[in-house]
Amino acid sequence: MSIIPSAISITDLRKQSAYFLANLPKEKLYLLLQNSKPKGVLVDLEYLQMLQEAYEDYLDILAYDKAIDEPKISWQRYKQRSRKKVQ
């Protein structure tokens, strides 16, 4: 897949929707233009799922990086603090 998506007009999509839908798996996405301006994207379902999984992985990495920077305490100290809260 090219970095630059194939661009199609809304008018062309209306006229040839079956063609564009049939070619989505090969193209992965089409940039939709209205009055020569980008208005949306038509995306292959498998490609969308892959993008969503990649984004979720990215969010997990951010959460991990944030957790790594949190202060650490020993197990003994944690147990002592826990006992004090219970009493």
N, C-alpha and C. Protein backbone atom coordinates (compact mmCIF):
# COMPACT_ATOMS: atom_id res chain seq x y z
N MET A 1 0.84 -1.19 0.00
CA MET A 1 0.00 0.00 0.00
C MET A 1 0.87 1.23 0.00
N SER A 2 0.48 2.17 -0.78
CA SER A 2 1.17 3.45 -0.85
C SER A 2 0.88 4.26 0.41
N ILE A 3 1.82 5.13 0.79
CA ILE A 3 1.60 6.00 1.93
C ILE A 3 0.48 6.99 1.61
N ILE A 4 0.44 7.42 0.36
CA ILE A 4 -0.60 8.36 -0.07
C ILE A 4 -1.81 7.55 -0.54
N PRO A 5 -2.97 7.72 0.13
CA PRO A 5 -4.14 6.93 -0.25
C PRO A 5 -4.70 7.37 -1.60
N SER A 6 -5.40 6.47 -2.24
CA SER A 6 -6.11 6.82 -3.47
C SER A 6 -7.25 7.75 -3.10
N ALA A 7 -7.39 8.84 -3.85
CA ALA A 7 -8.44 9.82 -3.58
C ALA A 7 -9.57 9.63 -4.59
N ILE A 8 -10.80 9.67 -4.08
CA ILE A 8 -11.96 9.57 -4.95
C ILE A 8 -12.98 10.63 -4.52
N SER A 9 -13.74 11.09 -5.48
CA SER A 9 -14.77 12.07 -5.16
C SER A 9 -16.02 11.36 -4.66
N ILE A 10 -16.81 12.09 -3.91
CA ILE A 10 -18.09 11.55 -3.44
C ILE A 10 -18.96 11.19 -4.64
N THR A 11 -18.90 12.00 -5.67
CA THR A 11 -19.68 11.73 -6.89
C THR A 11 -19.26 10.40 -7.50
N ASP A 12 -17.95 10.17 -7.62
CA ASP A 12 -17.47 8.90 -8.17
C ASP A 12 -17.87 7.72 -7.29
N LEU A 13 -17.82 7.93 -5.97
CA LEU A 13 -18.22 6.87 -5.05
C LEU A 13 -19.69 6.51 -5.26
N ARG A 14 -20.53 7.52 -5.44
CA ARG A 14 -21.95 7.25 -5.69
C ARG A 14 -22.15 6.44 -6.98
N LYS A 15 -21.40 6.81 -8.02
CA LYS A 15 -21.57 6.17 -9.33
C LYS A 15 -20.97 4.77 -9.37
N GLN A 16 -19.84 4.57 -8.66
CA GLN A 16 -19.10 3.31 -8.78
C GLN A 16 -18.82 2.67 -7.42
N SER A 17 -19.78 2.74 -6.53
CA SER A 17 -19.56 2.23 -5.17
C SER A 17 -19.17 0.75 -5.16
N ALA A 18 -19.80 -0.06 -6.01
CA ALA A 18 -19.47 -1.49 -6.05
C ALA A 18 -18.01 -1.70 -6.43
N TYR A 19 -17.51 -0.94 -7.38
CA TYR A 19 -16.11 -1.05 -7.80
C TYR A 19 -15.17 -0.70 -6.64
N PHE A 20 -15.42 0.42 -5.97
CA PHE A 20 -14.53 0.85 -4.89
C PHE A 20 -14.58 -0.12 -3.71
N LEU A 21 -15.76 -0.63 -3.39
CA LEU A 21 -15.87 -1.60 -2.30
C LEU A 21 -15.16 -2.90 -2.65
N ALA A 22 -15.24 -3.31 -3.90
CA ALA A 22 -14.57 -4.54 -4.34
C ALA A 22 -13.05 -4.40 -4.27
N ASN A 23 -12.54 -3.20 -4.47
CA ASN A 23 -11.10 -2.98 -4.47
C ASN A 23 -10.54 -2.52 -3.13
N LEU A 24 -11.38 -2.36 -2.13
CA LEU A 24 -10.92 -1.92 -0.81
C LEU A 24 -9.85 -2.84 -0.22
N PRO A 25 -10.02 -4.16 -0.25
CA PRO A 25 -8.98 -5.01 0.35
C PRO A 25 -7.59 -4.77 -0.26
N LYS A 26 -7.54 -4.47 -1.54
CA LYS A 26 -6.26 -4.23 -2.21
C LYS A 26 -5.72 -2.84 -1.85
N GLU A 27 -6.57 -1.84 -1.86
CA GLU A 27 -6.15 -0.46 -1.63
C GLU A 27 -6.02 -0.10 -0.15
N LYS A 28 -6.75 -0.79 0.73
CA LYS A 28 -6.82 -0.57 2.18
C LYS A 28 -7.65 0.65 2.55
N LEU A 29 -7.50 1.75 1.82
CA LEU A 29 -8.34 2.91 2.11
C LEU A 29 -8.40 3.84 0.92
N TYR A 30 -9.48 4.61 0.89
CA TYR A 30 -9.67 5.67 -0.10
C TYR A 30 -9.93 6.96 0.65
N LEU A 31 -9.29 8.02 0.22
CA LEU A 31 -9.56 9.34 0.75
C LEU A 31 -10.75 9.90 -0.02
N LEU A 32 -11.81 10.28 0.70
CA LEU A 32 -13.02 10.80 0.05
C LEU A 32 -12.94 12.32 -0.05
N LEU A 33 -13.17 12.82 -1.25
CA LEU A 33 -13.10 14.26 -1.51
C LEU A 33 -14.49 14.80 -1.83
N GLN A 34 -14.77 15.97 -1.29
CA GLN A 34 -15.99 16.69 -1.63
C GLN A 34 -15.58 18.11 -1.97
N ASN A 35 -15.90 18.52 -3.17
CA ASN A 35 -15.46 19.82 -3.68
C ASN A 35 -13.94 19.95 -3.58
N SER A 36 -13.24 18.88 -3.96
CA SER A 36 -11.78 18.80 -3.97
C SER A 36 -11.13 18.94 -2.60
N LYS A 37 -11.90 18.77 -1.53
CA LYS A 37 -11.36 18.85 -0.17
C LYS A 37 -11.59 17.53 0.55
N PRO A 38 -10.60 17.06 1.31
CA PRO A 38 -10.77 15.81 2.05
C PRO A 38 -11.94 15.90 3.03
N LYS A 39 -12.83 14.91 2.98
CA LYS A 39 -14.01 14.90 3.87
C LYS A 39 -14.12 13.63 4.70
N GLY A 40 -13.45 12.58 4.30
CA GLY A 40 -13.55 11.32 5.04
C GLY A 40 -12.67 10.27 4.42
N VAL A 41 -12.79 9.06 4.96
CA VAL A 41 -11.99 7.94 4.49
C VAL A 41 -12.87 6.70 4.41
N LEU A 42 -12.74 5.96 3.36
CA LEU A 42 -13.39 4.67 3.20
C LEU A 42 -12.31 3.63 3.47
N VAL A 43 -12.50 2.79 4.51
CA VAL A 43 -11.43 1.91 4.98
C VAL A 43 -11.88 0.45 4.93
N ASP A 44 -10.96 -0.41 4.51
CA ASP A 44 -11.18 -1.85 4.54
C ASP A 44 -11.32 -2.29 6.00
N LEU A 45 -12.28 -3.15 6.28
CA LEU A 45 -12.58 -3.55 7.65
C LEU A 45 -11.38 -4.21 8.34
N GLU A 46 -10.69 -5.10 7.66
CA GLU A 46 -9.51 -5.75 8.26
C GLU A 46 -8.42 -4.74 8.57
N TYR A 47 -8.25 -3.77 7.69
CA TYR A 47 -7.25 -2.72 7.90
C TYR A 47 -7.64 -1.87 9.11
N LEU A 48 -8.92 -1.56 9.25
CA LEU A 48 -9.39 -0.79 10.41
C LEU A 48 -9.12 -1.55 11.70
N GLN A 49 -9.41 -2.85 11.70
CA GLN A 49 -9.16 -3.66 12.90
C GLN A 49 -7.68 -3.68 13.24
N MET A 50 -6.81 -3.76 12.23
CA MET A 50 -5.38 -3.74 12.47
C MET A 50 -4.95 -2.39 13.06
N LEU A 51 -5.51 -1.30 12.54
CA LEU A 51 -5.20 0.02 13.07
C LEU A 51 -5.66 0.16 14.52
N GLN A 52 -6.85 -0.36 14.83
CA GLN A 52 -7.36 -0.29 16.20
C GLN A 52 -6.47 -1.07 17.15
N GLU A 53 -6.04 -2.27 16.75
CA GLU A 53 -5.15 -3.07 17.59
C GLU A 53 -3.81 -2.38 17.80
N ALA A 54 -3.29 -1.76 16.76
CA ALA A 54 -2.02 -1.04 16.88
C ALA A 54 -2.17 0.14 17.83
N TYR A 55 -3.31 0.84 17.77
CA TYR A 55 -3.55 1.97 18.66
C TYR A 55 -3.68 1.50 20.11
N GLU A 56 -4.37 0.38 20.33
CA GLU A 56 -4.49 -0.17 21.68
C GLU A 56 -3.12 -0.58 22.22
N ASP A 57 -2.27 -1.16 21.37
CA ASP A 57 -0.91 -1.50 21.78
C ASP A 57 -0.14 -0.25 22.16
N TYR A 58 -0.30 0.80 21.39
CA TYR A 58 0.36 2.08 21.68
C TYR A 58 -0.09 2.62 23.03
N LEU A 59 -1.39 2.57 23.32
CA LEU A 59 -1.89 3.04 24.61
C LEU A 59 -1.35 2.19 25.76
N ASP A 60 -1.23 0.88 25.54
CA ASP A 60 -0.65 0.00 26.55
C ASP A 60 0.81 0.37 26.83
N ILE A 61 1.55 0.69 25.78
CA ILE A 61 2.94 1.09 25.95
C ILE A 61 3.04 2.39 26.74
N LEU A 62 2.15 3.34 26.44
CA LEU A 62 2.15 4.60 27.20
C LEU A 62 1.85 4.35 28.67
N ALA A 63 0.87 3.49 28.96
CA ALA A 63 0.53 3.17 30.35
C ALA A 63 1.70 2.48 31.04
N TYR A 64 2.37 1.58 30.35
CA TYR A 64 3.53 0.89 30.91
C TYR A 64 4.65 1.90 31.22
N ASP A 65 4.93 2.78 30.27
CA ASP A 65 5.98 3.78 30.48
C ASP A 65 5.66 4.67 31.68
N LYS A 66 4.39 5.01 31.85
CA LYS A 66 3.99 5.83 32.99
C LYS A 66 4.16 5.04 34.30
N ALA A 67 3.79 3.78 34.29
CA ALA A 67 3.89 2.94 35.49
C ALA A 67 5.35 2.72 35.89
N ILE A 68 6.24 2.64 34.93
CA ILE A 68 7.66 2.41 35.21
C ILE A 68 8.22 3.58 36.04
N ASP A 69 7.71 4.78 35.82
CA ASP A 69 8.21 5.96 36.51
C ASP A 69 7.63 6.14 37.91
N GLU A 70 6.66 5.32 38.28
CA GLU A 70 6.07 5.44 39.61
C GLU A 70 7.06 4.95 40.66
N PRO A 71 7.04 5.56 41.87
CA PRO A 71 7.98 5.13 42.91
C PRO A 71 7.71 3.68 43.33
N LYS A 72 8.76 3.00 43.68
CA LYS A 72 8.64 1.60 44.06
C LYS A 72 8.89 1.47 45.56
N ILE A 73 8.18 0.52 46.20
CA ILE A 73 8.41 0.24 47.61
C ILE A 73 8.63 -1.26 47.76
N SER A 74 9.30 -1.63 48.83
CA SER A 74 9.57 -3.05 49.05
C SER A 74 8.29 -3.76 49.47
N TRP A 75 8.31 -5.09 49.32
CA TRP A 75 7.15 -5.90 49.71
C TRP A 75 6.90 -5.78 51.22
N GLN A 76 7.96 -5.75 52.01
CA GLN A 76 7.82 -5.63 53.47
C GLN A 76 7.15 -4.31 53.83
N ARG A 77 7.57 -3.25 53.22
CA ARG A 77 6.97 -1.94 53.51
C ARG A 77 5.49 -1.91 53.10
N TYR A 78 5.19 -2.52 51.96
CA TYR A 78 3.80 -2.57 51.50
C TYR A 78 2.94 -3.32 52.51
N LYS A 79 3.43 -4.45 53.01
CA LYS A 79 2.68 -5.22 54.01
C LYS A 79 2.46 -4.40 55.28
N GLN A 80 3.48 -3.66 55.69
CA GLN A 80 3.35 -2.82 56.89
C GLN A 80 2.27 -1.76 56.68
N ARG A 81 2.28 -1.11 55.53
CA ARG A 81 1.27 -0.08 55.24
C ARG A 81 -0.13 -0.68 55.19
N SER A 82 -0.22 -1.85 54.58
CA SER A 82 -1.53 -2.52 54.47
C SER A 82 -2.09 -2.87 55.83
N ARG A 83 -1.26 -3.33 56.75
CA ARG A 83 -1.69 -3.68 58.10
C ARG A 83 -2.21 -2.45 58.84
N LYS A 84 -1.52 -1.33 58.66
CA LYS A 84 -1.93 -0.10 59.34
C LYS A 84 -3.31 0.36 58.85
N LYS A 85 -3.57 0.21 57.55
CA LYS A 85 -4.86 0.64 56.99
C LYS A 85 -6.00 -0.23 57.50
N VAL A 86 -5.74 -1.53 57.70
CA VAL A 86 -6.77 -2.46 58.16
C VAL A 86 -7.12 -2.20 59.63
N GLN A 87 -6.14 -1.84 60.43
CA GLN A 87 -6.36 -1.64 61.87
C GLN A 87 -7.02 -0.34 62.14
